[in-house]
Amino acid sequence: MITFEHTMPTVLIWCGIAVALAVCAFSFVRFVRINLHTLIIAVIRILFFALFLWCLFLPEIRKSETTMLKPRFIVTVDTSASMTLPKSEGVRNRWETTLEALQMDWTKFVQAECEMDIFAFSTNAGAKLNLNEALELEPTGSSTLLRDSLRSIASRYAGQNVAGMLVFSDGIDTREADDAWSSETWPFPVYTVRLEPEMIWDKEPDVRIDSVNTPRR
């Protein structure tokens, strides 16, 4: 925004010029003999005051720029091959559900209030993407380093105002056997989306034999 304003009030400028002209006229009439030479000097002085008045009325240009700093909203998309599961008829896989979610109207509401940054990850976190680039991704990653990728992305926003992070992933880290890290404190809220129907997988029990104690016979 450009604002034009004078460095002093307009009335004060006019009063100063009027007093200067009055003093000049009085001095010429009272102390100077009127002839051609003095008239030329008087005209020059009047022209000087006119030029000075023009300079005083030149407005000062002040430029002010207002920038609204929106909070960041992070969207992370798992591009590992496991996102193509489950492969069964009549059930959408995780990747199809992710793409459908990215095309919903919530993205418009988020972008109206926040700067939405999208990142793809599998073995590591990639560069920042826009929404159109995210819709062209393919789930071809060989593994899901979920903890390392999310921490790497979160470290990029240290000290910034982040409204939250939305994670599209199957939630299975191929490196970390223990998921206790997910309950640790994060610098901003983390949201997830269910990408498949509940109870679609049969979870096998984790059973192991530590030792056998039985009679020799």
Foldseek 3Di string as FASTA:
>chain_A
DKDWAAPDDPVVLVVVLVVVLVVLVCCCVPPNDDDDVVVVVNVVVVVVSVVVSVVRPGTDIDDDDDDDAAAEEEEEEEQAPQQCDDPDPPWHGLVVLVLVVLPDCVVVVCVVRHHYWYWYDFPAIDDTDDSVVVSPGHNHHHGHQPVRRVVVVLVVQPPGGHAEYEYRDPPDHPPDPDPPVVPDDGPYYYHYDDRTDPPPDDDDDDDDDDDDDDDPD
